[in-house]
Amino acid sequence: MPTSVIAYIVLLVLVGALRLGEMQLSRRNQRRMAKAGVAKVPEPALPWMILLHGGILISAGLEVVLLHRPLIPALAIVAGIVFVSANLIRWWVIRTMAGHWNVQVMASTTLGVITTGPYKWVRHPNYLAVVLELISLPLIHTAWITAIWGTFAHFWILRSRITVEEGVLMSSQAYREAMGSKPRFLPGLF
């Protein structure tokens, strides 16, 4: 097996381990918020989102190994830069949200509205970062089939998730006043 394939599989495993660590952080934050009286919001898309993220990691690895996808250095560099940038944004979001950050939709506006960090400019910087990550990660080693199906599936699931989350957030007057006029994903667009 070529060294680039081994390195790519290691990257996928590390990303998967990071996701498991994020789930632990999320559960810890959920417990803290529950003690403060914050409730989870029923969200049908969450199990699908979790399956999708794991599925993309597995699919990308299988595509590279079974279909003998080559490492194209120019594509790997560009995709790698996008991947690293997306993760920097995600960790900026997690750090900014601190105890509010969660993988589950929670009605946490009673604890305050986050308007600092990337939230100065957009309402959902984490979703932008995850979209960029899920497109770029497969492309690091030319797993273009995974990049395509994963992107379409993610947009379909994300549409449902954002509908639920925005319904909860926009029901708060404090949130509407602080964030309602900001774009969802990209500053100055849409």
Foldseek 3Di string as FASTA:
>chain_A
DDPVLVVLLVVLVVVVVVVVVQQVLQVVLVVVVVVVVKDFDDAPLLVVVVCLSVVLSVLLSCCCVVVVQAQDPVQLVVLVVLQVVLVVQLVQVCVQCPSNDHSTQILCCVVPDRCDGPNVAAAAQNLVSVLSNQLSSSRSRDSNVSSVVSNVSSVVSVVRVVVRNCVSQVVDPRSCVRHVVHHHHDGPDD
